[in-house]
Amino acid sequence: MSHVKAGGSSKNNRNNAGQRLGVKRFGGQTVSAGEVLVRQTGSSKVAGNGTFLSRDYTIHAAKDGIVSYRQVKTKRFTGKTARRTQVVVE
């Protein structure tokens, strides 16, 4: 017979690294094409002119220019409108 007790599940394995989300380039800053502007989970900010949204909702600059942020109203699935921040490169 074995003298080692059954090893249960470990309880202290939740030390994950942060995802480094947030705004990476602020309004008025000059950016080049392809730069990351906002890293986010879900689309809390929406892509406007001169930007594009990647698969994980990261907003990138599509062209060289200056970043600006503005408030827009977007329509939701239910028909209700919600305010969102739109990222634009001009």
C-alpha atoms as a PDB file:
ATOM      1  CA  MET A   1       0.000   0.000   0.000  1.00  0.00           C
ATOM      2  CA  SER A   2       1.112   3.503  -0.770  1.00  0.00           C
ATOM      3  CA  HIS A   3       1.917   5.918   2.027  1.00  0.00           C
ATOM      4  CA  VAL A   4       1.293   9.077  -0.009  1.00  0.00           C
ATOM      5  CA  LYS A   5      -2.067  10.779   0.332  1.00  0.00           C
ATOM      6  CA  ALA A   6      -4.127  11.676  -2.714  1.00  0.00           C
ATOM      7  CA  GLY A   7      -3.053  15.034  -4.138  1.00  0.00           C
ATOM      8  CA  GLY A   8      -6.098  17.252  -4.388  1.00  0.00           C
ATOM      9  CA  SER A   9      -6.510  20.178  -6.739  1.00  0.00           C
ATOM     10  CA  SER A  10      -4.214  23.117  -6.185  1.00  0.00           C
ATOM     11  CA  LYS A  11      -5.826  26.327  -4.941  1.00  0.00           C
ATOM     12  CA  ASN A  12      -3.088  28.872  -5.488  1.00  0.00           C
ATOM     13  CA  ASN A  13      -2.672  28.827  -9.265  1.00  0.00           C
ATOM     14  CA  ARG A  14      -4.347  32.112 -10.205  1.00  0.00           C
ATOM     15  CA  ASN A  15      -1.318  34.346 -10.642  1.00  0.00           C
ATOM     16  CA  ASN A  16      -1.808  35.452 -14.247  1.00  0.00           C
ATOM     17  CA  ALA A  17      -0.075  38.343 -15.955  1.00  0.00           C
ATOM     18  CA  GLY A  18      -2.127  41.418 -16.828  1.00  0.00           C
ATOM     19  CA  GLN A  19      -3.222  41.934 -20.428  1.00  0.00           C
ATOM     20  CA  ARG A  20      -1.777  45.448 -20.817  1.00  0.00           C
ATOM     21  CA  LEU A  21      -5.052  46.862 -22.121  1.00  0.00           C
ATOM     22  CA  GLY A  22      -5.882  50.529 -22.613  1.00  0.00           C
ATOM     23  CA  VAL A  23      -5.172  53.560 -24.757  1.00  0.00           C
ATOM     24  CA  LYS A  24      -1.669  53.459 -26.255  1.00  0.00           C
ATOM     25  CA  ARG A  25      -1.728  56.703 -28.308  1.00  0.00           C
ATOM     26  CA  PHE A  26      -3.559  59.744 -27.004  1.00  0.00           C
ATOM     27  CA  GLY A  27      -5.332  62.566 -28.832  1.00  0.00           C
ATOM     28  CA  GLY A  28      -3.016  64.917 -30.694  1.00  0.00           C
ATOM     29  CA  GLN A  29      -0.184  62.395 -31.039  1.00  0.00           C
ATOM     30  CA  THR A  30       1.315  61.649 -34.454  1.00  0.00           C
ATOM     31  CA  VAL A  31       1.096  58.001 -35.534  1.00  0.00           C
ATOM     32  CA  SER A  32       2.243  55.932 -38.488  1.00  0.00           C
ATOM     33  CA  ALA A  33       0.242  53.262 -40.308  1.00  0.00           C
ATOM     34  CA  GLY A  34      -0.150  50.001 -38.406  1.00  0.00           C
ATOM     35  CA  GLU A  35       0.476  51.391 -34.923  1.00  0.00           C
ATOM     36  CA  VAL A  36      -1.684  50.146 -32.048  1.00  0.00           C
ATOM     37  CA  LEU A  37      -3.942  52.914 -30.764  1.00  0.00           C
ATOM     38  CA  VAL A  38      -6.201  51.097 -28.272  1.00  0.00           C
ATOM     39  CA  ARG A  39      -6.050  47.566 -26.826  1.00  0.00           C
ATOM     40  CA  GLN A  40      -9.432  46.544 -25.418  1.00  0.00           C
ATOM     41  CA  THR A  41     -11.677  43.640 -24.490  1.00  0.00           C
ATOM     42  CA  GLY A  42     -14.875  44.043 -26.507  1.00  0.00           C
ATOM     43  CA  SER A  43     -15.617  47.180 -28.487  1.00  0.00           C
ATOM     44  CA  SER A  44     -15.866  49.867 -25.827  1.00  0.00           C
ATOM     45  CA  LYS A  45     -14.236  52.240 -28.343  1.00  0.00           C
ATOM     46  CA  VAL A  46     -15.133  52.065 -32.033  1.00  0.00           C
ATOM     47  CA  ALA A  47     -12.898  52.487 -35.077  1.00  0.00           C
ATOM     48  CA  GLY A  48     -13.484  55.590 -37.200  1.00  0.00           C
ATOM     49  CA  ASN A  49     -11.888  57.017 -40.338  1.00  0.00           C
ATOM     50  CA  GLY A  50      -8.249  56.098 -40.808  1.00  0.00           C
ATOM     51  CA  THR A  51      -8.400  53.174 -38.361  1.00  0.00           C
ATOM     52  CA  PHE A  52      -9.305  49.498 -38.433  1.00  0.00           C
ATOM     53  CA  LEU A  53     -10.385  46.916 -35.885  1.00  0.00           C
ATOM     54  CA  SER A  54      -8.422  43.685 -35.584  1.00  0.00           C
ATOM     55  CA  ARG A  55      -9.664  40.277 -34.492  1.00  0.00           C
ATOM     56  CA  ASP A  56      -9.191  40.885 -30.752  1.00  0.00           C
ATOM     57  CA  TYR A  57     -10.851  44.356 -30.906  1.00  0.00           C
ATOM     58  CA  THR A  58      -7.513  46.190 -31.021  1.00  0.00           C
ATOM     59  CA  ILE A  59      -7.759  49.476 -32.938  1.00  0.00           C
ATOM     60  CA  HIS A  60      -4.852  50.188 -35.323  1.00  0.00           C
ATOM     61  CA  ALA A  61      -3.986  53.199 -37.465  1.00  0.00           C
ATOM     62  CA  ALA A  62      -4.631  52.523 -41.159  1.00  0.00           C
ATOM     63  CA  LYS A  63      -2.617  55.560 -42.297  1.00  0.00           C
ATOM     64  CA  ASP A  64      -0.164  58.144 -41.042  1.00  0.00           C
ATOM     65  CA  GLY A  65      -1.702  61.091 -39.236  1.00  0.00           C
ATOM     66  CA  ILE A  66      -2.835  62.575 -35.929  1.00  0.00           C
ATOM     67  CA  VAL A  67      -5.080  60.693 -33.483  1.00  0.00           C
ATOM     68  CA  SER A  68      -8.294  62.226 -32.190  1.00  0.00           C
ATOM     69  CA  TYR A  69     -11.150  60.910 -30.072  1.00  0.00           C
ATOM     70  CA  ARG A  70     -14.798  61.936 -30.337  1.00  0.00           C
ATOM     71  CA  GLN A  71     -18.115  60.877 -28.827  1.00  0.00           C
ATOM     72  CA  VAL A  72     -20.625  59.263 -31.221  1.00  0.00           C
ATOM     73  CA  LYS A  73     -24.003  57.592 -30.831  1.00  0.00           C
ATOM     74  CA  THR A  74     -24.118  53.983 -32.014  1.00  0.00           C
ATOM     75  CA  LYS A  75     -27.218  51.866 -32.441  1.00  0.00           C
ATOM     76  CA  ARG A  76     -27.388  48.649 -30.450  1.00  0.00           C
ATOM     77  CA  PHE A  77     -29.092  45.404 -31.429  1.00  0.00           C
ATOM     78  CA  THR A  78     -32.254  46.324 -29.491  1.00  0.00           C
ATOM     79  CA  GLY A  79     -32.556  49.687 -31.253  1.00  0.00           C
ATOM     80  CA  LYS A  80     -31.349  51.642 -28.244  1.00  0.00           C
ATOM     81  CA  THR A  81     -28.571  54.170 -28.882  1.00  0.00           C
ATOM     82  CA  ALA A  82     -25.445  54.229 -26.767  1.00  0.00           C
ATOM     83  CA  ARG A  83     -22.554  56.687 -26.606  1.00  0.00           C
ATOM     84  CA  ARG A  84     -19.182  55.331 -27.701  1.00  0.00           C
ATOM     85  CA  THR A  85     -15.778  56.884 -28.133  1.00  0.00           C
ATOM     86  CA  GLN A  86     -14.685  56.841 -31.767  1.00  0.00           C
ATOM     87  CA  VAL A  87     -10.983  56.768 -32.631  1.00  0.00           C
ATOM     88  CA  VAL A  88     -10.046  58.717 -35.773  1.00  0.00           C
ATOM     89  CA  VAL A  89      -6.744  59.287 -37.578  1.00  0.00           C
ATOM     90  CA  GLU A  90      -6.703  62.395 -39.800  1.00  0.00           C
END
